[in-house]
Amino acid sequence: MAEQLMVPSHVSLDQAKRLLGDSVVTLAEAVRYGVLVLYGRGIGFRHKIARRAIEQSLPLIGRRALNALSCWLTRLPTCRG
């Protein structure tokens, strides 16, 4: 059974900064290549398909860590620790 991810399609720039710190500038390369786009004060995947392809390329432990970070960033009520 495939594991469902809760990674949002976009996050605010403030959330990205909290996650990446000063490394947030590295997102510029993904924007330059068209994988990510800026949305007002946020950043996100240009296409849902790209997001899924990247998620699926990660090993299971990486996907779980990504989910945990997503829960932390968005404070989703459905996330339980």
Protein backbone atom coordinates (compact mmCIF):
# COMPACT_ATOMS: atom_id res chain seq x y z
CA MET A 1 0.00 0.00 0.00
CA ALA A 2 1.39 3.40 -1.00
CA GLU A 3 1.98 5.82 1.83
CA GLN A 4 -0.02 9.05 1.50
CA LEU A 5 1.99 12.21 2.04
CA MET A 6 0.80 15.40 3.64
CA VAL A 7 3.37 17.67 2.02
CA PRO A 8 1.68 20.91 1.01
CA SER A 9 1.93 22.11 -2.57
CA HIS A 10 3.30 25.42 -1.32
CA VAL A 11 4.52 27.10 1.86
CA SER A 12 5.06 30.69 2.89
CA LEU A 13 8.52 32.14 2.55
CA ASP A 14 8.55 32.50 6.36
CA GLN A 15 7.93 28.74 6.71
CA ALA A 16 10.69 27.97 4.21
CA LYS A 17 13.06 30.24 6.14
CA ARG A 18 12.17 28.46 9.43
CA LEU A 19 12.97 25.12 7.84
CA LEU A 20 16.06 26.02 5.84
CA GLY A 21 17.53 28.98 7.72
CA ASP A 22 20.08 30.82 5.61
CA SER A 23 20.02 27.95 3.10
CA VAL A 24 16.64 29.18 1.89
CA VAL A 25 18.53 30.97 -0.91
CA THR A 26 19.25 27.55 -2.44
CA LEU A 27 15.58 27.43 -3.49
CA ALA A 28 16.45 29.99 -6.15
CA GLU A 29 18.00 27.23 -8.26
CA ALA A 30 14.77 25.22 -8.18
CA VAL A 31 12.88 28.37 -9.16
CA ARG A 32 15.34 29.02 -11.99
CA TYR A 33 14.77 25.49 -13.36
CA GLY A 34 11.00 25.85 -13.09
CA VAL A 35 10.42 23.15 -10.46
CA LEU A 36 9.32 25.72 -7.88
CA VAL A 37 7.54 29.02 -8.41
CA LEU A 38 6.98 32.06 -6.22
CA TYR A 39 3.37 32.75 -5.21
CA GLY A 40 3.18 36.18 -3.60
CA ARG A 41 4.85 35.58 -0.22
CA GLY A 42 5.09 31.84 -0.75
CA ILE A 43 6.91 29.23 -2.78
CA GLY A 44 5.66 25.97 -4.17
CA PHE A 45 5.81 23.33 -6.83
CA ARG A 46 4.80 24.44 -10.31
CA HIS A 47 2.99 21.14 -10.91
CA LYS A 48 1.48 18.51 -8.63
CA ILE A 49 3.14 15.87 -10.81
CA ALA A 50 6.59 17.32 -10.09
CA ARG A 51 5.90 17.28 -6.36
CA ARG A 52 4.78 13.67 -6.48
CA ALA A 53 7.74 12.59 -8.61
CA ILE A 54 10.19 14.14 -6.15
CA GLU A 55 8.38 12.64 -3.15
CA GLN A 56 8.30 9.19 -4.75
CA SER A 57 12.00 9.34 -5.59
CA LEU A 58 12.82 9.55 -1.87
CA PRO A 59 13.39 6.43 0.20
CA LEU A 60 10.61 5.65 2.69
CA ILE A 61 12.57 7.11 5.61
CA GLY A 62 13.03 10.33 3.64
CA ARG A 63 9.30 10.56 2.89
CA ARG A 64 8.49 10.06 6.57
CA ALA A 65 10.95 12.77 7.57
CA LEU A 66 9.43 15.06 4.95
CA ASN A 67 5.97 14.41 6.40
CA ALA A 68 7.22 15.20 9.90
CA LEU A 69 8.71 18.48 8.69
CA SER A 70 5.52 19.31 6.84
CA CYS A 71 3.49 18.74 9.99
CA TRP A 72 5.86 20.94 11.95
CA LEU A 73 5.76 23.71 9.34
CA THR A 74 2.03 23.80 8.83
CA ARG A 75 0.90 22.68 12.28
CA LEU A 76 -1.72 20.50 10.62
CA PRO A 77 -4.36 19.35 13.11
CA THR A 78 -4.30 15.91 11.46
CA CYS A 79 -0.65 15.44 12.41
CA ARG A 80 -0.15 13.53 15.61
CA GLY A 81 3.28 13.11 17.19
